[in-house]
Amino acid sequence: MLKLSAAVLAVGALALAGCGSSSSTTSSSSPTPTSAATTATSATTSSTPTTSSTSSTAAGAASGGASASQNLTLAANAEGQLKFDKTSLTAKAGTVTIAFTNMAPLSHNVTIESSSGQTVAATPSFQGGSKTLKLTLKAGTYKFFCSIPGHRAAGMEGTLTVQ
């Protein structure tokens, strides 16, 4: 009888140990404000950050010959504060790639807006990983911000100057 009780306890302990051990999570997101120039993707996230690409072309894209791609980085505050690690970015006109990392405990995105207030491009909202935004921009001043309600108003925005 003692051996049977010990066996039942061991099986019960193993069953409990199996509960809650999953480390896989999924997130699906809808693209933020859409425009004809924006293509957004959603991805499954896990403990290993994933990268998705989003391509876009601004309505007034740079004209002329081919230009080298500019690579910029931007990150959400990992501690959960509603801010980016930078409030200004600078690039040359042409193809601009922004690698956006969000290791914060909240979902964020990065949205690019022209000086006229038109959304040029945006990543989907996500948590725990990176997304890449690739777009073609002409010279001018743009705003980048998180479009999740309340985040921009709390200070999660900056200026992108394209020369």
N, C-alpha and C. Protein backbone atom coordinates (compact mmCIF):
# COMPACT_ATOMS: atom_id res chain seq x y z
N MET A 1 0.82 -1.18 0.00
CA MET A 1 0.00 0.00 0.00
C MET A 1 0.87 1.25 0.00
N LEU A 2 1.98 1.23 0.74
CA LEU A 2 2.89 2.37 0.81
C LEU A 2 3.53 2.63 -0.55
N LYS A 3 3.89 1.56 -1.26
CA LYS A 3 4.48 1.72 -2.59
C LYS A 3 3.47 2.31 -3.56
N LEU A 4 2.20 1.91 -3.46
CA LEU A 4 1.15 2.43 -4.33
C LEU A 4 0.94 3.91 -4.09
N SER A 5 0.92 4.34 -2.82
CA SER A 5 0.76 5.76 -2.49
C SER A 5 1.93 6.59 -3.00
N ALA A 6 3.13 6.07 -2.87
CA ALA A 6 4.32 6.77 -3.36
C ALA A 6 4.26 6.89 -4.88
N ALA A 7 3.81 5.85 -5.56
CA ALA A 7 3.70 5.88 -7.02
C ALA A 7 2.67 6.91 -7.46
N VAL A 8 1.53 6.98 -6.76
CA VAL A 8 0.49 7.95 -7.10
C VAL A 8 1.01 9.37 -6.88
N LEU A 9 1.74 9.59 -5.80
CA LEU A 9 2.32 10.92 -5.54
C LEU A 9 3.33 11.29 -6.62
N ALA A 10 4.15 10.36 -7.05
CA ALA A 10 5.16 10.63 -8.07
C ALA A 10 4.49 11.00 -9.40
N VAL A 11 3.45 10.26 -9.77
CA VAL A 11 2.73 10.56 -11.01
C VAL A 11 2.07 11.94 -10.90
N GLY A 12 1.47 12.25 -9.76
CA GLY A 12 0.85 13.55 -9.55
C GLY A 12 1.85 14.68 -9.63
N ALA A 13 3.03 14.49 -9.06
CA ALA A 13 4.07 15.52 -9.11
C ALA A 13 4.54 15.74 -10.55
N LEU A 14 4.68 14.68 -11.31
CA LEU A 14 5.08 14.83 -12.72
C LEU A 14 4.00 15.55 -13.52
N ALA A 15 2.75 15.24 -13.25
CA ALA A 15 1.66 15.91 -13.98
C ALA A 15 1.65 17.40 -13.67
N LEU A 16 1.86 17.78 -12.42
CA LEU A 16 1.89 19.19 -12.05
C LEU A 16 3.10 19.89 -12.64
N ALA A 17 4.23 19.21 -12.69
CA ALA A 17 5.45 19.81 -13.24
C ALA A 17 5.27 20.13 -14.71
N GLY A 18 4.46 19.34 -15.41
CA GLY A 18 4.23 19.57 -16.82
C GLY A 18 3.33 20.77 -17.10
N CYS A 19 2.54 21.19 -16.12
CA CYS A 19 1.63 22.32 -16.31
C CYS A 19 2.41 23.62 -16.38
N GLY A 20 2.06 24.45 -17.30
CA GLY A 20 2.65 25.78 -17.38
C GLY A 20 4.08 25.81 -17.85
N SER A 21 4.56 24.73 -18.44
CA SER A 21 5.96 24.75 -18.85
C SER A 21 6.16 25.22 -20.28
N SER A 22 5.10 25.57 -20.95
CA SER A 22 5.22 26.03 -22.33
C SER A 22 5.85 27.40 -22.38
N SER A 23 6.83 27.57 -23.25
CA SER A 23 7.48 28.87 -23.37
C SER A 23 7.13 29.53 -24.69
N SER A 24 6.25 28.92 -25.44
CA SER A 24 5.90 29.47 -26.75
C SER A 24 4.69 30.38 -26.63
N THR A 25 4.78 31.54 -27.23
CA THR A 25 3.65 32.45 -27.28
C THR A 25 3.47 32.90 -28.71
N THR A 26 2.26 33.25 -29.02
CA THR A 26 2.02 33.79 -30.35
C THR A 26 1.37 35.14 -30.21
N SER A 27 1.62 35.97 -31.19
CA SER A 27 0.94 37.24 -31.21
C SER A 27 0.52 37.50 -32.63
N SER A 28 -0.68 37.99 -32.75
CA SER A 28 -1.08 38.41 -34.08
C SER A 28 -1.43 39.86 -33.96
N SER A 29 -1.15 40.59 -34.98
CA SER A 29 -1.42 42.01 -34.92
C SER A 29 -1.92 42.47 -36.25
N SER A 30 -2.67 43.53 -36.18
CA SER A 30 -3.15 44.14 -37.40
C SER A 30 -2.26 45.31 -37.70
N PRO A 31 -2.04 45.58 -38.95
CA PRO A 31 -1.25 46.76 -39.27
C PRO A 31 -1.93 47.99 -38.73
N THR A 32 -1.14 48.96 -38.34
CA THR A 32 -1.67 50.22 -37.86
C THR A 32 -2.16 51.00 -39.07
N PRO A 33 -2.46 52.26 -38.96
CA PRO A 33 -3.09 52.97 -40.06
C PRO A 33 -2.48 52.57 -41.40
N THR A 34 -3.36 52.28 -42.36
CA THR A 34 -2.88 51.78 -43.62
C THR A 34 -2.91 52.84 -44.69
N SER A 35 -2.04 52.69 -45.65
CA SER A 35 -2.05 53.53 -46.83
C SER A 35 -1.66 52.65 -47.99
N ALA A 36 -1.83 53.12 -49.18
CA ALA A 36 -1.48 52.33 -50.34
C ALA A 36 0.01 51.99 -50.34
N ALA A 37 0.81 52.79 -49.66
CA ALA A 37 2.25 52.60 -49.68
C ALA A 37 2.73 51.68 -48.57
N THR A 38 1.85 51.20 -47.71
CA THR A 38 2.27 50.43 -46.55
C THR A 38 1.89 48.97 -46.70
N THR A 39 2.84 48.10 -46.46
CA THR A 39 2.59 46.67 -46.42
C THR A 39 3.11 46.21 -45.08
N ALA A 40 2.25 45.61 -44.26
CA ALA A 40 2.69 45.17 -42.93
C ALA A 40 2.48 43.68 -42.81
N THR A 41 3.30 43.07 -41.97
CA THR A 41 3.19 41.64 -41.74
C THR A 41 3.09 41.39 -40.26
N SER A 42 2.48 40.26 -39.90
CA SER A 42 2.48 39.86 -38.51
C SER A 42 3.31 38.60 -38.41
N ALA A 43 3.83 38.34 -37.21
CA ALA A 43 4.72 37.20 -37.05
C ALA A 43 4.44 36.51 -35.74
N THR A 44 4.84 35.26 -35.64
CA THR A 44 4.78 34.54 -34.39
C THR A 44 6.04 34.85 -33.63
N THR A 45 5.90 35.15 -32.34
CA THR A 45 7.08 35.45 -31.55
C THR A 45 7.34 34.30 -30.60
N SER A 46 8.57 34.14 -30.22
CA SER A 46 8.96 33.15 -29.24
C SER A 46 10.07 33.74 -28.41
N SER A 47 10.72 32.91 -27.63
CA SER A 47 11.78 33.43 -26.79
C SER A 47 12.97 33.92 -27.62
N THR A 48 13.04 33.53 -28.87
CA THR A 48 14.08 34.02 -29.76
C THR A 48 13.46 35.08 -30.65
N PRO A 49 13.99 36.33 -30.63
CA PRO A 49 13.41 37.38 -31.44
C PRO A 49 13.42 37.01 -32.92
N THR A 50 12.35 37.41 -33.60
CA THR A 50 12.26 37.16 -35.03
C THR A 50 12.25 38.50 -35.75
N THR A 51 12.55 38.48 -37.01
CA THR A 51 12.56 39.69 -37.79
C THR A 51 11.65 39.52 -38.98
N SER A 52 10.79 40.48 -39.21
CA SER A 52 9.95 40.50 -40.40
C SER A 52 10.26 41.76 -41.16
N SER A 53 10.13 41.70 -42.44
CA SER A 53 10.40 42.87 -43.26
C SER A 53 9.11 43.50 -43.72
N THR A 54 9.11 44.80 -43.76
CA THR A 54 7.99 45.56 -44.26
C THR A 54 8.55 46.53 -45.27
N SER A 55 7.99 46.58 -46.44
CA SER A 55 8.49 47.48 -47.47
C SER A 55 7.46 48.54 -47.79
N SER A 56 7.94 49.70 -48.15
CA SER A 56 7.06 50.80 -48.46
C SER A 56 7.78 51.80 -49.34
N THR A 57 7.05 52.53 -50.12
CA THR A 57 7.61 53.60 -50.92
C THR A 57 6.78 54.84 -50.67
N ALA A 58 7.43 55.92 -50.31
CA ALA A 58 6.72 57.17 -50.07
C ALA A 58 6.19 57.68 -51.40
N ALA A 59 5.06 58.37 -51.36
CA ALA A 59 4.43 58.87 -52.56
C ALA A 59 5.38 59.75 -53.37
N GLY A 60 6.19 60.53 -52.71
CA GLY A 60 7.14 61.40 -53.39
C GLY A 60 8.54 60.82 -53.28
N ALA A 61 8.73 59.62 -53.71
CA ALA A 61 10.02 58.94 -53.57
C ALA A 61 11.14 59.72 -54.24
N ALA A 62 12.34 59.46 -53.76
CA ALA A 62 13.51 60.14 -54.32
C ALA A 62 13.63 59.82 -55.80
N SER A 63 14.00 60.82 -56.57
CA SER A 63 14.16 60.60 -58.00
C SER A 63 15.63 60.51 -58.33
N GLY A 64 15.92 60.08 -59.53
CA GLY A 64 17.31 60.00 -59.95
C GLY A 64 17.80 58.58 -59.92
N GLY A 65 19.12 58.43 -59.90
CA GLY A 65 19.76 57.13 -59.96
C GLY A 65 19.65 56.37 -58.66
N ALA A 66 20.22 55.18 -58.68
CA ALA A 66 20.20 54.32 -57.50
C ALA A 66 21.04 54.93 -56.39
N SER A 67 20.61 54.76 -55.17
CA SER A 67 21.39 55.26 -54.04
C SER A 67 21.59 54.14 -53.04
N ALA A 68 22.62 54.25 -52.25
CA ALA A 68 22.92 53.24 -51.26
C ALA A 68 21.86 53.24 -50.17
N SER A 69 21.60 52.08 -49.63
CA SER A 69 20.61 51.96 -48.57
C SER A 69 21.20 52.46 -47.25
N GLN A 70 20.42 53.18 -46.51
CA GLN A 70 20.81 53.68 -45.19
C GLN A 70 20.18 52.77 -44.15
N ASN A 71 20.97 52.30 -43.19
CA ASN A 71 20.48 51.43 -42.13
C ASN A 71 20.46 52.20 -40.82
N LEU A 72 19.27 52.32 -40.23
CA LEU A 72 19.09 53.00 -38.96
C LEU A 72 18.56 52.00 -37.94
N THR A 73 18.82 52.26 -36.66
CA THR A 73 18.29 51.41 -35.61
C THR A 73 17.47 52.26 -34.65
N LEU A 74 16.44 51.63 -34.09
CA LEU A 74 15.56 52.28 -33.14
C LEU A 74 15.05 51.19 -32.20
N ALA A 75 14.92 51.51 -30.91
CA ALA A 75 14.43 50.52 -29.95
C ALA A 75 13.46 51.17 -28.97
N ALA A 76 12.49 50.40 -28.55
CA ALA A 76 11.58 50.82 -27.48
C ALA A 76 12.33 50.64 -26.16
N ASN A 77 12.00 51.46 -25.18
CA ASN A 77 12.62 51.35 -23.87
C ASN A 77 12.30 49.98 -23.28
N ALA A 78 13.31 49.18 -22.99
CA ALA A 78 13.13 47.80 -22.53
C ALA A 78 12.52 47.72 -21.14
N GLU A 79 12.58 48.80 -20.37
CA GLU A 79 12.04 48.80 -19.01
C GLU A 79 10.54 49.11 -18.98
N GLY A 80 9.97 49.40 -20.13
CA GLY A 80 8.53 49.64 -20.19
C GLY A 80 8.12 51.10 -20.22
N GLN A 81 9.10 52.02 -20.15
CA GLN A 81 8.75 53.43 -20.25
C GLN A 81 8.30 53.71 -21.68
N LEU A 82 7.36 54.62 -21.84
CA LEU A 82 6.82 54.93 -23.15
C LEU A 82 7.73 55.91 -23.87
N LYS A 83 8.87 55.37 -24.35
CA LYS A 83 9.80 56.19 -25.11
C LYS A 83 10.69 55.28 -25.95
N PHE A 84 11.27 55.88 -27.00
CA PHE A 84 12.25 55.19 -27.82
C PHE A 84 13.63 55.51 -27.26
N ASP A 85 14.64 54.79 -27.71
CA ASP A 85 16.01 55.06 -27.26
C ASP A 85 16.59 56.30 -27.93
N LYS A 86 15.93 56.80 -28.98
CA LYS A 86 16.38 58.01 -29.68
C LYS A 86 15.16 58.88 -29.98
N THR A 87 15.38 60.18 -30.00
CA THR A 87 14.29 61.09 -30.37
C THR A 87 14.54 61.72 -31.73
N SER A 88 15.69 61.41 -32.34
CA SER A 88 15.95 61.93 -33.68
C SER A 88 16.76 60.91 -34.47
N LEU A 89 16.44 60.83 -35.76
CA LEU A 89 17.15 59.98 -36.70
C LEU A 89 17.46 60.83 -37.92
N THR A 90 18.58 60.56 -38.59
CA THR A 90 18.96 61.29 -39.79
C THR A 90 19.37 60.29 -40.86
N ALA A 91 18.92 60.55 -42.09
CA ALA A 91 19.26 59.68 -43.22
C ALA A 91 19.37 60.53 -44.48
N LYS A 92 19.95 59.94 -45.50
CA LYS A 92 20.01 60.59 -46.81
C LYS A 92 18.80 60.13 -47.61
N ALA A 93 18.36 60.96 -48.54
CA ALA A 93 17.22 60.61 -49.38
C ALA A 93 17.51 59.33 -50.14
N GLY A 94 16.49 58.52 -50.32
CA GLY A 94 16.61 57.25 -51.01
C GLY A 94 16.07 56.14 -50.14
N THR A 95 16.65 54.96 -50.27
CA THR A 95 16.19 53.80 -49.51
C THR A 95 16.69 53.90 -48.07
N VAL A 96 15.76 53.81 -47.14
CA VAL A 96 16.07 53.88 -45.70
C VAL A 96 15.51 52.62 -45.05
N THR A 97 16.35 51.94 -44.27
CA THR A 97 15.93 50.75 -43.53
C THR A 97 16.02 51.07 -42.05
N ILE A 98 14.91 50.86 -41.34
CA ILE A 98 14.88 51.08 -39.90
C ILE A 98 14.66 49.74 -39.22
N ALA A 99 15.65 49.29 -38.45
CA ALA A 99 15.54 48.07 -37.67
C ALA A 99 15.00 48.46 -36.30
N PHE A 100 13.75 48.06 -36.01
CA PHE A 100 13.07 48.44 -34.76
C PHE A 100 13.02 47.23 -33.84
N THR A 101 13.57 47.39 -32.62
CA THR A 101 13.59 46.32 -31.62
C THR A 101 12.67 46.70 -30.47
N ASN A 102 11.84 45.75 -30.04
CA ASN A 102 10.96 45.97 -28.90
C ASN A 102 11.10 44.82 -27.91
N MET A 103 11.90 45.04 -26.88
CA MET A 103 12.04 44.05 -25.81
C MET A 103 11.30 44.51 -24.56
N ALA A 104 10.42 45.50 -24.71
CA ALA A 104 9.61 46.02 -23.60
C ALA A 104 8.50 45.03 -23.25
N PRO A 105 7.93 45.16 -22.05
CA PRO A 105 6.83 44.27 -21.66
C PRO A 105 5.50 44.65 -22.33
N LEU A 106 5.49 45.68 -23.17
CA LEU A 106 4.28 46.13 -23.87
C LEU A 106 4.47 46.02 -25.37
N SER A 107 3.39 45.91 -26.09
CA SER A 107 3.45 45.95 -27.55
C SER A 107 3.70 47.37 -28.02
N HIS A 108 4.51 47.51 -29.06
CA HIS A 108 4.79 48.81 -29.67
C HIS A 108 4.90 48.62 -31.17
N ASN A 109 4.95 49.73 -31.89
CA ASN A 109 5.22 49.73 -33.32
C ASN A 109 5.99 50.99 -33.63
N VAL A 110 6.42 51.13 -34.85
CA VAL A 110 7.00 52.39 -35.30
C VAL A 110 6.24 52.79 -36.57
N THR A 111 5.72 54.01 -36.54
CA THR A 111 4.95 54.57 -37.65
C THR A 111 5.69 55.80 -38.15
N ILE A 112 5.81 55.94 -39.46
CA ILE A 112 6.47 57.09 -40.07
C ILE A 112 5.38 57.95 -40.70
N GLU A 113 5.44 59.25 -40.41
CA GLU A 113 4.43 60.20 -40.89
C GLU A 113 5.12 61.35 -41.60
N SER A 114 4.57 61.77 -42.74
CA SER A 114 5.14 62.90 -43.49
C SER A 114 4.83 64.21 -42.78
N SER A 115 5.45 65.29 -43.25
CA SER A 115 5.22 66.60 -42.64
C SER A 115 3.77 67.05 -42.83
N SER A 116 3.06 66.47 -43.80
CA SER A 116 1.64 66.82 -44.00
C SER A 116 0.72 65.97 -43.12
N GLY A 117 1.30 65.05 -42.34
CA GLY A 117 0.50 64.24 -41.42
C GLY A 117 0.02 62.92 -42.02
N GLN A 118 0.48 62.58 -43.23
CA GLN A 118 0.08 61.34 -43.88
C GLN A 118 0.98 60.20 -43.43
N THR A 119 0.39 59.06 -43.07
CA THR A 119 1.18 57.88 -42.71
C THR A 119 1.89 57.37 -43.95
N VAL A 120 3.21 57.25 -43.86
CA VAL A 120 4.04 56.79 -44.97
C VAL A 120 4.27 55.29 -44.86
N ALA A 121 4.53 54.80 -43.64
CA ALA A 121 4.81 53.38 -43.42
C ALA A 121 4.67 53.07 -41.93
N ALA A 122 4.49 51.79 -41.61
CA ALA A 122 4.39 51.38 -40.21
C ALA A 122 4.69 49.90 -40.07
N THR A 123 5.26 49.53 -38.94
CA THR A 123 5.41 48.11 -38.62
C THR A 123 4.12 47.69 -37.92
N PRO A 124 3.87 46.40 -37.86
CA PRO A 124 2.76 45.94 -37.02
C PRO A 124 3.15 46.14 -35.56
N SER A 125 2.18 46.17 -34.68
CA SER A 125 2.46 46.23 -33.24
C SER A 125 2.91 44.84 -32.81
N PHE A 126 3.95 44.79 -31.97
CA PHE A 126 4.48 43.50 -31.53
C PHE A 126 5.23 43.69 -30.22
N GLN A 127 5.55 42.57 -29.60
CA GLN A 127 6.32 42.56 -28.36
C GLN A 127 7.36 41.46 -28.45
N GLY A 128 8.57 41.74 -27.98
CA GLY A 128 9.60 40.72 -27.88
C GLY A 128 10.22 40.32 -29.20
N GLY A 129 10.91 41.22 -29.84
CA GLY A 129 11.59 40.88 -31.08
C GLY A 129 11.95 42.12 -31.86
N SER A 130 12.11 41.95 -33.16
CA SER A 130 12.48 43.05 -34.04
C SER A 130 11.68 42.99 -35.32
N LYS A 131 11.45 44.13 -35.91
CA LYS A 131 10.83 44.25 -37.22
C LYS A 131 11.68 45.24 -38.01
N THR A 132 11.73 45.04 -39.30
CA THR A 132 12.49 45.93 -40.17
C THR A 132 11.54 46.65 -41.10
N LEU A 133 11.69 47.95 -41.16
CA LEU A 133 10.88 48.80 -42.03
C LEU A 133 11.80 49.33 -43.12
N LYS A 134 11.48 49.03 -44.37
CA LYS A 134 12.31 49.48 -45.49
C LYS A 134 11.44 50.36 -46.38
N LEU A 135 11.89 51.58 -46.62
CA LEU A 135 11.10 52.51 -47.40
C LEU A 135 11.99 53.46 -48.18
N THR A 136 11.42 54.11 -49.16
CA THR A 136 12.14 55.09 -49.96
C THR A 136 11.58 56.47 -49.62
N LEU A 137 12.48 57.37 -49.21
CA LEU A 137 12.04 58.69 -48.76
C LEU A 137 12.75 59.79 -49.54
N LYS A 138 12.05 60.86 -49.78
CA LYS A 138 12.67 62.04 -50.36
C LYS A 138 13.09 62.96 -49.22
N ALA A 139 13.89 63.96 -49.52
CA ALA A 139 14.36 64.90 -48.50
C ALA A 139 13.17 65.57 -47.81
N GLY A 140 13.28 65.73 -46.52
CA GLY A 140 12.22 66.37 -45.76
C GLY A 140 12.27 65.96 -44.30
N THR A 141 11.28 66.41 -43.56
CA THR A 141 11.19 66.10 -42.14
C THR A 141 9.98 65.20 -41.91
N TYR A 142 10.20 64.10 -41.24
CA TYR A 142 9.16 63.12 -40.94
C TYR A 142 9.09 62.93 -39.43
N LYS A 143 7.97 62.43 -38.96
CA LYS A 143 7.83 62.05 -37.55
C LYS A 143 7.80 60.54 -37.47
N PHE A 144 8.43 59.99 -36.43
CA PHE A 144 8.27 58.56 -36.14
C PHE A 144 7.66 58.48 -34.75
N PHE A 145 6.75 57.52 -34.56
CA PHE A 145 6.05 57.40 -33.29
C PHE A 145 5.42 56.03 -33.17
N CYS A 146 4.98 55.70 -31.95
CA CYS A 146 4.21 54.49 -31.70
C CYS A 146 2.74 54.89 -31.78
N SER A 147 1.98 54.21 -32.64
CA SER A 147 0.58 54.61 -32.86
C SER A 147 -0.40 53.92 -31.92
N ILE A 148 0.08 53.14 -30.96
CA ILE A 148 -0.83 52.54 -29.98
C ILE A 148 -1.40 53.68 -29.14
N PRO A 149 -2.73 53.71 -28.96
CA PRO A 149 -3.36 54.83 -28.25
C PRO A 149 -2.66 55.19 -26.93
N GLY A 150 -2.32 56.46 -26.80
CA GLY A 150 -1.69 57.00 -25.60
C GLY A 150 -0.17 56.99 -25.61
N HIS A 151 0.44 56.17 -26.44
CA HIS A 151 1.90 56.06 -26.42
C HIS A 151 2.58 57.31 -27.00
N ARG A 152 2.07 57.81 -28.12
CA ARG A 152 2.67 59.02 -28.70
C ARG A 152 2.48 60.21 -27.75
N ALA A 153 1.30 60.35 -27.21
CA ALA A 153 1.01 61.45 -26.30
C ALA A 153 1.90 61.41 -25.06
N ALA A 154 2.31 60.20 -24.66
CA ALA A 154 3.18 60.04 -23.49
C ALA A 154 4.65 60.33 -23.82
N GLY A 155 4.95 60.57 -25.09
CA GLY A 155 6.32 60.92 -25.46
C GLY A 155 7.03 59.93 -26.36
N MET A 156 6.32 58.93 -26.85
CA MET A 156 6.96 57.93 -27.69
C MET A 156 6.93 58.39 -29.15
N GLU A 157 7.78 59.41 -29.44
CA GLU A 157 7.87 59.96 -30.78
C GLU A 157 9.22 60.62 -30.99
N GLY A 158 9.53 60.90 -32.23
CA GLY A 158 10.77 61.57 -32.57
C GLY A 158 10.70 62.11 -33.97
N THR A 159 11.83 62.70 -34.43
CA THR A 159 11.90 63.31 -35.74
C THR A 159 12.91 62.57 -36.61
N LEU A 160 12.52 62.27 -37.84
CA LEU A 160 13.40 61.67 -38.84
C LEU A 160 13.68 62.73 -39.89
N THR A 161 14.93 63.15 -39.97
CA THR A 161 15.34 64.16 -40.96
C THR A 161 16.01 63.45 -42.12
N VAL A 162 15.46 63.67 -43.31
CA VAL A 162 16.02 63.06 -44.52
C VAL A 162 16.61 64.19 -45.34
N GLN A 163 17.91 64.07 -45.65
CA GLN A 163 18.64 65.12 -46.35
C GLN A 163 18.82 64.80 -47.82
